[in-house]
């Protein structure tokens, strides 16, 4: 039996703000999106490198304010990339903690993303 990587589901409240944050700022690509019809909530998948996220407007799919711990191999490179985009709602820094170098972000819906480069 194989276990595959988990795919976090993050609650969103605005498709426009989600696209601005996840696609324009963080550099994810839109893989697909789904609604059950006109004027229904959106469910979409975005990905970057080996990370896949599901973003959902559906009530009950996820709790606003969730957190995702995301291992990365170069926190400084990610921070430089994000700062260069000059996104008005986030100017992330790099934080050293005992076990890692981290770039922490909060999306427009209160979900926390911790990009973490383990220390050797």
PDB file of N, CA and C in Angstrom:
ATOM      1  N   UNK A   1       0.842  -1.176   0.000  1.00  0.00           N
ATOM      2  CA  UNK A   1       0.000   0.000   0.000  1.00  0.00           C
ATOM      3  C   UNK A   1       0.891   1.244   0.000  1.00  0.00           C
ATOM      4  N   UNK A   2       0.561   2.197  -0.849  1.00  0.00           N
ATOM      5  CA  UNK A   2       1.267   3.479  -0.909  1.00  0.00           C
ATOM      6  C   UNK A   2       0.360   4.589  -0.414  1.00  0.00           C
ATOM      7  N   UNK A   3       0.930   5.491   0.341  1.00  0.00           N
ATOM      8  CA  UNK A   3       0.220   6.708   0.715  1.00  0.00           C
ATOM      9  C   UNK A   3       0.770   7.844  -0.139  1.00  0.00           C
ATOM     10  N   UNK A   4      -0.102   8.639  -0.709  1.00  0.00           N
ATOM     11  CA  UNK A   4       0.300   9.782  -1.529  1.00  0.00           C
ATOM     12  C   UNK A   4       0.327  11.034  -0.669  1.00  0.00           C
ATOM     13  N   UNK A   5       1.022  12.074  -1.140  1.00  0.00           N
ATOM     14  CA  UNK A   5       1.022  13.325  -0.375  1.00  0.00           C
ATOM     15  C   UNK A   5      -0.402  13.859  -0.205  1.00  0.00           C
ATOM     16  N   UNK A   6      -0.670  14.434   0.953  1.00  0.00           N
ATOM     17  CA  UNK A   6      -1.971  15.049   1.207  1.00  0.00           C
ATOM     18  C   UNK A   6      -2.130  16.297   0.348  1.00  0.00           C
ATOM     19  N   UNK A   7      -3.365  16.621   0.023  1.00  0.00           N
ATOM     20  CA  UNK A   7      -3.678  17.857  -0.693  1.00  0.00           C
ATOM     21  C   UNK A   7      -4.528  18.712   0.244  1.00  0.00           C
ATOM     22  N   UNK A   8      -3.946  19.756   0.816  1.00  0.00           N
ATOM     23  CA  UNK A   8      -4.721  20.610   1.707  1.00  0.00           C
ATOM     24  C   UNK A   8      -5.875  21.290   0.971  1.00  0.00           C
ATOM     25  N   UNK A   9      -7.010  21.414   1.645  1.00  0.00           N
ATOM     26  CA  UNK A   9      -8.142  22.188   1.142  1.00  0.00           C
ATOM     27  C   UNK A   9      -8.200  23.452   1.993  1.00  0.00           C
ATOM     28  N   UNK A  10      -8.129  24.595   1.338  1.00  0.00           N
ATOM     29  CA  UNK A  10      -8.163  25.880   2.034  1.00  0.00           C
ATOM     30  C   UNK A  10      -9.430  26.626   1.645  1.00  0.00           C
ATOM     31  N   UNK A  11     -10.112  27.163   2.621  1.00  0.00           N
ATOM     32  CA  UNK A  11     -11.368  27.889   2.395  1.00  0.00           C
ATOM     33  C   UNK A  11     -11.058  29.278   1.867  1.00  0.00           C
ATOM     34  N   UNK A  12     -11.774  29.671   0.824  1.00  0.00           N
ATOM     35  CA  UNK A  12     -11.649  31.007   0.239  1.00  0.00           C
ATOM     36  C   UNK A  12     -13.029  31.651   0.198  1.00  0.00           C
ATOM     37  N   UNK A  13     -13.053  32.967   0.108  1.00  0.00           N
ATOM     38  CA  UNK A  13     -14.319  33.695   0.054  1.00  0.00           C
ATOM     39  C   UNK A  13     -14.430  34.593  -1.166  1.00  0.00           C
ATOM     40  N   UNK A  14     -13.366  34.704  -1.940  1.00  0.00           N
ATOM     41  CA  UNK A  14     -13.353  35.545  -3.133  1.00  0.00           C
ATOM     42  C   UNK A  14     -12.430  34.901  -4.155  1.00  0.00           C
ATOM     43  N   UNK A  15     -12.994  34.522  -5.283  1.00  0.00           N
ATOM     44  CA  UNK A  15     -12.188  33.921  -6.346  1.00  0.00           C
ATOM     45  C   UNK A  15     -11.150  34.924  -6.840  1.00  0.00           C
ATOM     46  N   UNK A  16     -11.544  36.179  -6.965  1.00  0.00           N
ATOM     47  CA  UNK A  16     -10.627  37.217  -7.440  1.00  0.00           C
ATOM     48  C   UNK A  16      -9.420  37.359  -6.511  1.00  0.00           C
ATOM     49  N   UNK A  17      -9.670  37.450  -5.218  1.00  0.00           N
ATOM     50  CA  UNK A  17      -8.564  37.592  -4.251  1.00  0.00           C
ATOM     51  C   UNK A  17      -7.717  36.319  -4.191  1.00  0.00           C
ATOM     52  N   UNK A  18      -8.345  35.156  -4.332  1.00  0.00           N
ATOM     53  CA  UNK A  18      -7.596  33.890  -4.339  1.00  0.00           C
ATOM     54  C   UNK A  18      -6.663  33.836  -5.542  1.00  0.00           C
ATOM     55  N   UNK A  19      -7.150  34.210  -6.696  1.00  0.00           N
ATOM     56  CA  UNK A  19      -6.298  34.203  -7.908  1.00  0.00           C
ATOM     57  C   UNK A  19      -5.156  35.207  -7.764  1.00  0.00           C
ATOM     58  N   UNK A  20      -5.470  36.391  -7.240  1.00  0.00           N
ATOM     59  CA  UNK A  20      -4.437  37.407  -7.061  1.00  0.00           C
ATOM     60  C   UNK A  20      -3.335  36.896  -6.130  1.00  0.00           C
ATOM     61  N   UNK A  21      -3.716  36.239  -5.034  1.00  0.00           N
ATOM     62  CA  UNK A  21      -2.734  35.771  -4.057  1.00  0.00           C
ATOM     63  C   UNK A  21      -2.004  34.520  -4.534  1.00  0.00           C
ATOM     64  N   UNK A  22      -2.738  33.477  -4.881  1.00  0.00           N
ATOM     65  CA  UNK A  22      -2.117  32.186  -5.181  1.00  0.00           C
ATOM     66  C   UNK A  22      -1.478  32.128  -6.567  1.00  0.00           C
ATOM     67  N   UNK A  23      -2.089  32.744  -7.556  1.00  0.00           N
ATOM     68  CA  UNK A  23      -1.561  32.658  -8.922  1.00  0.00           C
ATOM     69  C   UNK A  23      -0.622  33.827  -9.216  1.00  0.00           C
ATOM     70  N   UNK A  24      -1.114  35.049  -9.039  1.00  0.00           N
ATOM     71  CA  UNK A  24      -0.287  36.214  -9.383  1.00  0.00           C
ATOM     72  C   UNK A  24       0.892  36.412  -8.422  1.00  0.00           C
ATOM     73  N   UNK A  25       0.653  36.286  -7.122  1.00  0.00           N
ATOM     74  CA  UNK A  25       1.706  36.543  -6.139  1.00  0.00           C
ATOM     75  C   UNK A  25       2.578  35.319  -5.885  1.00  0.00           C
ATOM     76  N   UNK A  26       1.964  34.193  -5.521  1.00  0.00           N
ATOM     77  CA  UNK A  26       2.766  33.012  -5.164  1.00  0.00           C
ATOM     78  C   UNK A  26       3.254  32.210  -6.371  1.00  0.00           C
ATOM     79  N   UNK A  27       2.714  32.464  -7.548  1.00  0.00           N
ATOM     80  CA  UNK A  27       3.223  31.804  -8.755  1.00  0.00           C
ATOM     81  C   UNK A  27       2.668  30.412  -9.007  1.00  0.00           C
ATOM     82  N   UNK A  28       1.534  30.078  -8.390  1.00  0.00           N
ATOM     83  CA  UNK A  28       0.888  28.793  -8.688  1.00  0.00           C
ATOM     84  C   UNK A  28       0.242  28.874 -10.058  1.00  0.00           C
ATOM     85  N   UNK A  29       0.000  27.723 -10.660  1.00  0.00           N
ATOM     86  CA  UNK A  29      -0.767  27.693 -11.905  1.00  0.00           C
ATOM     87  C   UNK A  29      -2.130  27.085 -11.605  1.00  0.00           C
ATOM     88  N   UNK A  30      -3.126  27.553 -12.323  1.00  0.00           N
ATOM     89  CA  UNK A  30      -4.468  27.012 -12.177  1.00  0.00           C
ATOM     90  C   UNK A  30      -4.536  25.704 -12.954  1.00  0.00           C
ATOM     91  N   UNK A  31      -4.827  24.610 -12.263  1.00  0.00           N
ATOM     92  CA  UNK A  31      -4.928  23.299 -12.917  1.00  0.00           C
ATOM     93  C   UNK A  31      -6.336  23.060 -13.440  1.00  0.00           C
ATOM     94  N   UNK A  32      -7.320  23.345 -12.607  1.00  0.00           N
ATOM     95  CA  UNK A  32      -8.724  23.199 -13.013  1.00  0.00           C
ATOM     96  C   UNK A  32      -9.610  23.901 -11.998  1.00  0.00           C
ATOM     97  N   UNK A  33     -10.842  24.141 -12.412  1.00  0.00           N
ATOM     98  CA  UNK A  33     -11.843  24.688 -11.503  1.00  0.00           C
ATOM     99  C   UNK A  33     -13.191  24.046 -11.812  1.00  0.00           C
ATOM    100  N   UNK A  34     -14.062  24.017 -10.800  1.00  0.00           N
ATOM    101  CA  UNK A  34     -15.347  23.349 -10.941  1.00  0.00           C
ATOM    102  C   UNK A  34     -16.438  24.091 -10.176  1.00  0.00           C
ATOM    103  N   UNK A  35     -17.595  24.220 -10.787  1.00  0.00           N
ATOM    104  CA  UNK A  35     -18.815  24.652 -10.104  1.00  0.00           C
ATOM    105  C   UNK A  35     -19.926  23.717 -10.547  1.00  0.00           C
ATOM    106  N   UNK A  36     -20.952  23.611  -9.725  1.00  0.00           N
ATOM    107  CA  UNK A  36     -22.095  22.772 -10.081  1.00  0.00           C
ATOM    108  C   UNK A  36     -23.052  23.492 -11.019  1.00  0.00           C
ATOM    109  N   UNK A  37     -22.827  24.755 -11.260  1.00  0.00           N
ATOM    110  CA  UNK A  37     -23.674  25.542 -12.154  1.00  0.00           C
ATOM    111  C   UNK A  37     -23.444  27.012 -11.925  1.00  0.00           C
ATOM    112  N   UNK A  38     -24.203  27.818 -12.653  1.00  0.00           N
ATOM    113  CA  UNK A  38     -24.096  29.261 -12.523  1.00  0.00           C
ATOM    114  C   UNK A  38     -24.512  29.682 -11.115  1.00  0.00           C
ATOM    115  N   UNK A  39     -23.784  30.608 -10.551  1.00  0.00           N
ATOM    116  CA  UNK A  39     -24.053  31.138  -9.219  1.00  0.00           C
ATOM    117  C   UNK A  39     -23.901  30.092  -8.112  1.00  0.00           C
ATOM    118  N   UNK A  40     -22.955  29.160  -8.289  1.00  0.00           N
ATOM    119  CA  UNK A  40     -22.588  28.181  -7.271  1.00  0.00           C
ATOM    120  C   UNK A  40     -21.163  28.462  -6.816  1.00  0.00           C
ATOM    121  N   UNK A  41     -20.776  27.985  -5.647  1.00  0.00           N
ATOM    122  CA  UNK A  41     -19.401  28.186  -5.175  1.00  0.00           C
ATOM    123  C   UNK A  41     -18.384  27.490  -6.091  1.00  0.00           C
ATOM    124  N   UNK A  42     -17.186  28.039  -6.103  1.00  0.00           N
ATOM    125  CA  UNK A  42     -16.101  27.500  -6.927  1.00  0.00           C
ATOM    126  C   UNK A  42     -15.200  26.597  -6.097  1.00  0.00           C
ATOM    127  N   UNK A  43     -14.717  25.553  -6.734  1.00  0.00           N
ATOM    128  CA  UNK A  43     -13.696  24.661  -6.170  1.00  0.00           C
ATOM    129  C   UNK A  43     -12.603  24.593  -7.216  1.00  0.00           C
ATOM    130  N   UNK A  44     -11.356  24.843  -6.842  1.00  0.00           N
ATOM    131  CA  UNK A  44     -10.279  24.830  -7.832  1.00  0.00           C
ATOM    132  C   UNK A  44      -9.012  24.203  -7.275  1.00  0.00           C
ATOM    133  N   UNK A  45      -8.185  23.763  -8.217  1.00  0.00           N
ATOM    134  CA  UNK A  45      -6.876  23.217  -7.859  1.00  0.00           C
ATOM    135  C   UNK A  45      -5.802  24.101  -8.457  1.00  0.00           C
ATOM    136  N   UNK A  46      -4.802  24.440  -7.616  1.00  0.00           N
ATOM    137  CA  UNK A  46      -3.624  25.174  -8.062  1.00  0.00           C
ATOM    138  C   UNK A  46      -2.399  24.358  -7.677  1.00  0.00           C
ATOM    139  N   UNK A  47      -1.317  24.547  -8.434  1.00  0.00           N
ATOM    140  CA  UNK A  47      -0.106  23.797  -8.124  1.00  0.00           C
ATOM    141  C   UNK A  47       1.129  24.602  -8.501  1.00  0.00           C
ATOM    142  N   UNK A  48       2.205  24.242  -7.834  1.00  0.00           N
ATOM    143  CA  UNK A  48       3.519  24.800  -8.140  1.00  0.00           C
ATOM    144  C   UNK A  48       4.545  23.774  -7.688  1.00  0.00           C
ATOM    145  N   UNK A  49       5.468  23.432  -8.570  1.00  0.00           N
ATOM    146  CA  UNK A  49       6.461  22.400  -8.276  1.00  0.00           C
ATOM    147  C   UNK A  49       5.729  21.140  -7.844  1.00  0.00           C
ATOM    148  N   UNK A  50       6.063  20.604  -6.689  1.00  0.00           N
ATOM    149  CA  UNK A  50       5.411  19.396  -6.207  1.00  0.00           C
ATOM    150  C   UNK A  50       4.262  19.656  -5.254  1.00  0.00           C
ATOM    151  N   UNK A  51       3.852  20.918  -5.097  1.00  0.00           N
ATOM    152  CA  UNK A  51       2.794  21.265  -4.153  1.00  0.00           C
ATOM    153  C   UNK A  51       1.465  21.467  -4.868  1.00  0.00           C
ATOM    154  N   UNK A  52       0.428  20.805  -4.398  1.00  0.00           N
ATOM    155  CA  UNK A  52      -0.930  20.960  -4.914  1.00  0.00           C
ATOM    156  C   UNK A  52      -1.824  21.427  -3.774  1.00  0.00           C
ATOM    157  N   UNK A  53      -2.646  22.430  -4.057  1.00  0.00           N
ATOM    158  CA  UNK A  53      -3.624  22.937  -3.095  1.00  0.00           C
ATOM    159  C   UNK A  53      -5.001  22.944  -3.728  1.00  0.00           C
ATOM    160  N   UNK A  54      -6.012  22.663  -2.938  1.00  0.00           N
ATOM    161  CA  UNK A  54      -7.402  22.846  -3.352  1.00  0.00           C
ATOM    162  C   UNK A  54      -7.933  24.076  -2.625  1.00  0.00           C
ATOM    163  N   UNK A  55      -8.593  24.947  -3.362  1.00  0.00           N
ATOM    164  CA  UNK A  55      -9.175  26.164  -2.817  1.00  0.00           C
ATOM    165  C   UNK A  55     -10.683  26.082  -3.016  1.00  0.00           C
ATOM    166  N   UNK A  56     -11.430  26.277  -1.950  1.00  0.00           N
ATOM    167  CA  UNK A  56     -12.866  26.038  -2.015  1.00  0.00           C
ATOM    168  C   UNK A  56     -13.679  27.175  -1.419  1.00  0.00           C
ATOM    169  N   UNK A  57     -14.718  27.575  -2.152  1.00  0.00           N
ATOM    170  CA  UNK A  57     -15.701  28.516  -1.633  1.00  0.00           C
ATOM    171  C   UNK A  57     -16.843  27.794  -0.917  1.00  0.00           C
ATOM    172  N   UNK A  58     -16.866  26.473  -0.973  1.00  0.00           N
ATOM    173  CA  UNK A  58     -17.971  25.701  -0.399  1.00  0.00           C
ATOM    174  C   UNK A  58     -17.957  25.745   1.121  1.00  0.00           C
ATOM    175  N   UNK A  59     -19.076  26.115   1.700  1.00  0.00           N
ATOM    176  CA  UNK A  59     -19.235  26.105   3.146  1.00  0.00           C
ATOM    177  C   UNK A  59     -19.038  24.679   3.651  1.00  0.00           C
ATOM    178  N   UNK A  60     -18.224  24.516   4.679  1.00  0.00           N
ATOM    179  CA  UNK A  60     -18.016  23.205   5.274  1.00  0.00           C
ATOM    180  C   UNK A  60     -16.861  22.418   4.697  1.00  0.00           C
ATOM    181  N   UNK A  61     -16.264  22.863   3.585  1.00  0.00           N
ATOM    182  CA  UNK A  61     -15.131  22.129   3.015  1.00  0.00           C
ATOM    183  C   UNK A  61     -13.873  22.269   3.855  1.00  0.00           C
ATOM    184  N   UNK A  62     -13.699  23.388   4.476  1.00  0.00           N
ATOM    185  CA  UNK A  62     -12.502  23.634   5.278  1.00  0.00           C
ATOM    186  C   UNK A  62     -12.813  24.752   6.267  1.00  0.00           C
ATOM    187  N   UNK A  63     -11.965  24.902   7.240  1.00  0.00           N
ATOM    188  CA  UNK A  63     -12.141  25.926   8.260  1.00  0.00           C
ATOM    189  C   UNK A  63     -11.279  27.131   7.920  1.00  0.00           C
ATOM    190  N   UNK A  64     -11.867  28.315   7.841  1.00  0.00           N
ATOM    191  CA  UNK A  64     -11.034  29.504   7.626  1.00  0.00           C
ATOM    192  C   UNK A  64      -9.988  29.607   8.742  1.00  0.00           C
ATOM    193  N   UNK A  65      -8.794  30.022   8.370  1.00  0.00           N
ATOM    194  CA  UNK A  65      -7.724  30.143   9.354  1.00  0.00           C
ATOM    195  C   UNK A  65      -6.919  28.870   9.524  1.00  0.00           C
ATOM    196  N   UNK A  66      -7.029  27.956   8.575  1.00  0.00           N
ATOM    197  CA  UNK A  66      -6.238  26.722   8.625  1.00  0.00           C
ATOM    198  C   UNK A  66      -4.765  27.042   8.369  1.00  0.00           C
ATOM    199  N   UNK A  67      -3.908  26.048   8.560  1.00  0.00           N
ATOM    200  CA  UNK A  67      -2.476  26.238   8.335  1.00  0.00           C
ATOM    201  C   UNK A  67      -1.931  25.089   7.506  1.00  0.00           C
ATOM    202  N   UNK A  68      -0.947  25.401   6.670  1.00  0.00           N
ATOM    203  CA  UNK A  68      -0.249  24.375   5.890  1.00  0.00           C
ATOM    204  C   UNK A  68       1.252  24.572   6.083  1.00  0.00           C
ATOM    205  N   UNK A  69       1.944  23.502   6.446  1.00  0.00           N
ATOM    206  CA  UNK A  69       3.402  23.494   6.583  1.00  0.00           C
ATOM    207  C   UNK A  69       3.950  22.953   5.275  1.00  0.00           C
ATOM    208  N   UNK A  70       4.778  23.746   4.587  1.00  0.00           N
ATOM    209  CA  UNK A  70       5.230  23.408   3.240  1.00  0.00           C
ATOM    210  C   UNK A  70       6.757  23.365   3.218  1.00  0.00           C
ATOM    211  N   UNK A  71       7.347  22.161   3.149  1.00  0.00           N
ATOM    212  CA  UNK A  71       8.803  22.064   3.065  1.00  0.00           C
ATOM    213  C   UNK A  71       9.316  22.649   1.737  1.00  0.00           C
ATOM    214  N   UNK A  72      10.389  23.437   1.823  1.00  0.00           N
ATOM    215  CA  UNK A  72      11.029  23.991   0.622  1.00  0.00           C
ATOM    216  C   UNK A  72      12.536  23.828   0.763  1.00  0.00           C
ATOM    217  N   UNK A  73      13.262  24.047  -0.338  1.00  0.00           N
ATOM    218  CA  UNK A  73      14.709  23.879  -0.278  1.00  0.00           C
ATOM    219  C   UNK A  73      15.474  25.202  -0.270  1.00  0.00           C
ATOM    220  N   UNK A  74      14.787  26.352  -0.454  1.00  0.00           N
ATOM    221  CA  UNK A  74      15.498  27.625  -0.455  1.00  0.00           C
ATOM    222  C   UNK A  74      14.556  28.758  -0.039  1.00  0.00           C
ATOM    223  N   UNK A  75      14.473  29.003   1.246  1.00  0.00           N
ATOM    224  CA  UNK A  75      13.595  30.045   1.773  1.00  0.00           C
ATOM    225  C   UNK A  75      14.006  31.428   1.284  1.00  0.00           C
ATOM    226  N   UNK A  76      15.304  31.662   1.167  1.00  0.00           N
ATOM    227  CA  UNK A  76      15.780  32.977   0.728  1.00  0.00           C
ATOM    228  C   UNK A  76      15.374  33.264  -0.713  1.00  0.00           C
ATOM    229  N   UNK A  77      15.458  32.260  -1.586  1.00  0.00           N
ATOM    230  CA  UNK A  77      15.063  32.449  -2.980  1.00  0.00           C
ATOM    231  C   UNK A  77      13.567  32.747  -3.083  1.00  0.00           C
ATOM    232  N   UNK A  78      12.756  32.038  -2.300  1.00  0.00           N
ATOM    233  CA  UNK A  78      11.313  32.300  -2.315  1.00  0.00           C
ATOM    234  C   UNK A  78      11.035  33.721  -1.833  1.00  0.00           C
ATOM    235  N   UNK A  79      11.666  34.137  -0.769  1.00  0.00           N
ATOM    236  CA  UNK A  79      11.445  35.478  -0.235  1.00  0.00           C
ATOM    237  C   UNK A  79      11.833  36.549  -1.253  1.00  0.00           C
ATOM    238  N   UNK A  80      12.968  36.384  -1.917  1.00  0.00           N
ATOM    239  CA  UNK A  80      13.394  37.360  -2.939  1.00  0.00           C
ATOM    240  C   UNK A  80      12.386  37.416  -4.085  1.00  0.00           C
ATOM    241  N   UNK A  81      11.919  36.254  -4.527  1.00  0.00           N
ATOM    242  CA  UNK A  81      10.926  36.193  -5.609  1.00  0.00           C
ATOM    243  C   UNK A  81       9.651  36.943  -5.225  1.00  0.00           C
ATOM    244  N   UNK A  82       9.170  36.721  -4.012  1.00  0.00           N
ATOM    245  CA  UNK A  82       7.918  37.342  -3.588  1.00  0.00           C
ATOM    246  C   UNK A  82       8.073  38.840  -3.377  1.00  0.00           C
ATOM    247  N   UNK A  83       9.172  39.271  -2.785  1.00  0.00           N
ATOM    248  CA  UNK A  83       9.406  40.705  -2.577  1.00  0.00           C
ATOM    249  C   UNK A  83       9.488  41.429  -3.919  1.00  0.00           C
ATOM    250  N   UNK A  84      10.087  40.802  -4.925  1.00  0.00           N
ATOM    251  CA  UNK A  84      10.222  41.420  -6.247  1.00  0.00           C
ATOM    252  C   UNK A  84       8.859  41.682  -6.901  1.00  0.00           C
ATOM    253  N   UNK A  85       7.838  40.953  -6.504  1.00  0.00           N
ATOM    254  CA  UNK A  85       6.502  41.142  -7.085  1.00  0.00           C
ATOM    255  C   UNK A  85       5.792  42.357  -6.501  1.00  0.00           C
ATOM    256  N   UNK A  86       6.281  42.889  -5.396  1.00  0.00           N
ATOM    257  CA  UNK A  86       5.740  44.093  -4.779  1.00  0.00           C
ATOM    258  C   UNK A  86       4.223  44.015  -4.565  1.00  0.00           C
ATOM    259  N   UNK A  87       3.777  42.885  -4.040  1.00  0.00           N
ATOM    260  CA  UNK A  87       2.363  42.662  -3.712  1.00  0.00           C
ATOM    261  C   UNK A  87       1.995  43.557  -2.538  1.00  0.00           C
ATOM    262  N   UNK A  88       0.967  44.343  -2.682  1.00  0.00           N
ATOM    263  CA  UNK A  88       0.666  45.360  -1.670  1.00  0.00           C
ATOM    264  C   UNK A  88       0.220  44.794  -0.328  1.00  0.00           C
ATOM    265  N   UNK A  89      -0.254  43.542  -0.289  1.00  0.00           N
ATOM    266  CA  UNK A  89      -0.800  42.981   0.943  1.00  0.00           C
ATOM    267  C   UNK A  89       0.179  42.089   1.710  1.00  0.00           C
ATOM    268  N   UNK A  90       1.398  41.895   1.190  1.00  0.00           N
ATOM    269  CA  UNK A  90       2.366  41.047   1.900  1.00  0.00           C
ATOM    270  C   UNK A  90       3.787  41.416   1.474  1.00  0.00           C
ATOM    271  N   UNK A  91       4.625  41.607   2.451  1.00  0.00           N
ATOM    272  CA  UNK A  91       6.056  41.860   2.251  1.00  0.00           C
ATOM    273  C   UNK A  91       6.807  40.865   3.142  1.00  0.00           C
ATOM    274  N   UNK A  92       6.840  39.594   2.742  1.00  0.00           N
ATOM    275  CA  UNK A  92       7.375  38.555   3.638  1.00  0.00           C
ATOM    276  C   UNK A  92       8.879  38.672   3.868  1.00  0.00           C
ATOM    277  N   UNK A  93       9.263  38.281   5.056  1.00  0.00           N
ATOM    278  CA  UNK A  93      10.668  38.178   5.411  1.00  0.00           C
ATOM    279  C   UNK A  93      11.023  36.714   5.598  1.00  0.00           C
ATOM    280  N   UNK A  94      12.259  36.478   5.973  1.00  0.00           N
ATOM    281  CA  UNK A  94      12.721  35.124   6.297  1.00  0.00           C
ATOM    282  C   UNK A  94      13.000  35.109   7.791  1.00  0.00           C
ATOM    283  N   UNK A  95      12.492  34.091   8.452  1.00  0.00           N
ATOM    284  CA  UNK A  95      12.650  33.965   9.896  1.00  0.00           C
ATOM    285  C   UNK A  95      13.463  32.715  10.206  1.00  0.00           C
ATOM    286  N   UNK A  96      14.458  32.869  11.062  1.00  0.00           N
ATOM    287  CA  UNK A  96      15.221  31.718  11.532  1.00  0.00           C
ATOM    288  C   UNK A  96      14.605  31.210  12.827  1.00  0.00           C
ATOM    289  N   UNK A  97      14.252  29.935  12.810  1.00  0.00           N
ATOM    290  CA  UNK A  97      13.819  29.266  14.034  1.00  0.00           C
ATOM    291  C   UNK A  97      14.804  28.121  14.262  1.00  0.00           C
ATOM    292  N   UNK A  98      14.721  27.480  15.379  1.00  0.00           N
ATOM    293  CA  UNK A  98      15.700  26.463  15.746  1.00  0.00           C
ATOM    294  C   UNK A  98      15.868  25.369  14.689  1.00  0.00           C
ATOM    295  N   UNK A  99      14.799  24.992  14.052  1.00  0.00           N
ATOM    296  CA  UNK A  99      14.807  23.848  13.139  1.00  0.00           C
ATOM    297  C   UNK A  99      14.755  24.215  11.651  1.00  0.00           C
ATOM    298  N   UNK A 100      14.580  25.535  11.327  1.00  0.00           N
ATOM    299  CA  UNK A 100      14.378  25.868   9.914  1.00  0.00           C
ATOM    300  C   UNK A 100      14.534  27.359   9.649  1.00  0.00           C
ATOM    301  N   UNK A 101      14.632  27.691   8.352  1.00  0.00           N
ATOM    302  CA  UNK A 101      14.452  29.066   7.860  1.00  0.00           C
ATOM    303  C   UNK A 101      13.070  29.087   7.230  1.00  0.00           C
ATOM    304  N   UNK A 102      12.261  30.064   7.608  1.00  0.00           N
ATOM    305  CA  UNK A 102      10.861  30.037   7.192  1.00  0.00           C
ATOM    306  C   UNK A 102      10.406  31.356   6.584  1.00  0.00           C
ATOM    307  N   UNK A 103       9.517  31.220   5.609  1.00  0.00           N
ATOM    308  CA  UNK A 103       8.770  32.345   5.057  1.00  0.00           C
ATOM    309  C   UNK A 103       7.317  32.058   5.407  1.00  0.00           C
ATOM    310  N   UNK A 104       6.740  32.929   6.225  1.00  0.00           N
ATOM    311  CA  UNK A 104       5.358  32.728   6.677  1.00  0.00           C
ATOM    312  C   UNK A 104       4.457  33.764   6.018  1.00  0.00           C
ATOM    313  N   UNK A 105       3.341  33.279   5.508  1.00  0.00           N
ATOM    314  CA  UNK A 105       2.366  34.153   4.856  1.00  0.00           C
ATOM    315  C   UNK A 105       0.970  33.812   5.346  1.00  0.00           C
ATOM    316  N   UNK A 106       0.097  34.794   5.313  1.00  0.00           N
ATOM    317  CA  UNK A 106      -1.319  34.572   5.573  1.00  0.00           C
ATOM    318  C   UNK A 106      -2.082  35.029   4.346  1.00  0.00           C
ATOM    319  N   UNK A 107      -2.929  34.145   3.814  1.00  0.00           N
ATOM    320  CA  UNK A 107      -3.690  34.504   2.614  1.00  0.00           C
ATOM    321  C   UNK A 107      -4.828  35.460   2.980  1.00  0.00           C
ATOM    322  N   UNK A 108      -5.535  36.000   2.000  1.00  0.00           N
ATOM    323  CA  UNK A 108      -6.600  36.965   2.292  1.00  0.00           C
ATOM    324  C   UNK A 108      -7.761  36.404   3.123  1.00  0.00           C
ATOM    325  N   UNK A 109      -7.770  35.106   3.377  1.00  0.00           N
ATOM    326  CA  UNK A 109      -8.878  34.454   4.075  1.00  0.00           C
ATOM    327  C   UNK A 109      -8.464  33.942   5.456  1.00  0.00           C
ATOM    328  N   UNK A 110      -7.243  34.308   5.883  1.00  0.00           N
ATOM    329  CA  UNK A 110      -6.764  33.929   7.201  1.00  0.00           C
ATOM    330  C   UNK A 110      -6.037  32.597   7.253  1.00  0.00           C
ATOM    331  N   UNK A 111      -5.885  31.922   6.121  1.00  0.00           N
ATOM    332  CA  UNK A 111      -5.136  30.666   6.089  1.00  0.00           C
ATOM    333  C   UNK A 111      -3.648  30.978   6.142  1.00  0.00           C
ATOM    334  N   UNK A 112      -2.924  30.208   6.962  1.00  0.00           N
ATOM    335  CA  UNK A 112      -1.502  30.452   7.167  1.00  0.00           C
ATOM    336  C   UNK A 112      -0.674  29.435   6.384  1.00  0.00           C
ATOM    337  N   UNK A 113       0.300  29.941   5.647  1.00  0.00           N
ATOM    338  CA  UNK A 113       1.218  29.092   4.879  1.00  0.00           C
ATOM    339  C   UNK A 113       2.612  29.292   5.447  1.00  0.00           C
ATOM    340  N   UNK A 114       3.223  28.195   5.866  1.00  0.00           N
ATOM    341  CA  UNK A 114       4.572  28.255   6.415  1.00  0.00           C
ATOM    342  C   UNK A 114       5.497  27.480   5.475  1.00  0.00           C
ATOM    343  N   UNK A 115       6.263  28.221   4.668  1.00  0.00           N
ATOM    344  CA  UNK A 115       7.239  27.620   3.770  1.00  0.00           C
ATOM    345  C   UNK A 115       8.514  27.455   4.591  1.00  0.00           C
ATOM    346  N   UNK A 116       8.973  26.239   4.767  1.00  0.00           N
ATOM    347  CA  UNK A 116      10.018  25.948   5.734  1.00  0.00           C
ATOM    348  C   UNK A 116      11.179  25.152   5.123  1.00  0.00           C
ATOM    349  N   UNK A 117      12.380  25.708   5.244  1.00  0.00           N
ATOM    350  CA  UNK A 117      13.605  25.060   4.799  1.00  0.00           C
ATOM    351  C   UNK A 117      14.296  24.472   6.026  1.00  0.00           C
ATOM    352  N   UNK A 118      14.275  23.147   6.162  1.00  0.00           N
ATOM    353  CA  UNK A 118      14.899  22.529   7.347  1.00  0.00           C
ATOM    354  C   UNK A 118      16.393  22.866   7.443  1.00  0.00           C
ATOM    355  N   UNK A 119      16.858  23.070   8.662  1.00  0.00           N
ATOM    356  CA  UNK A 119      18.296  23.299   8.878  1.00  0.00           C
ATOM    357  C   UNK A 119      18.993  21.954   8.850  1.00  0.00           C
ATOM    358  N   UNK A 120      20.199  21.962   8.345  1.00  0.00           N
ATOM    359  CA  UNK A 120      20.969  20.708   8.249  1.00  0.00           C
ATOM    360  C   UNK A 120      21.741  20.447   9.501  1.00  0.00           C
TER     361      UNK A 120
END
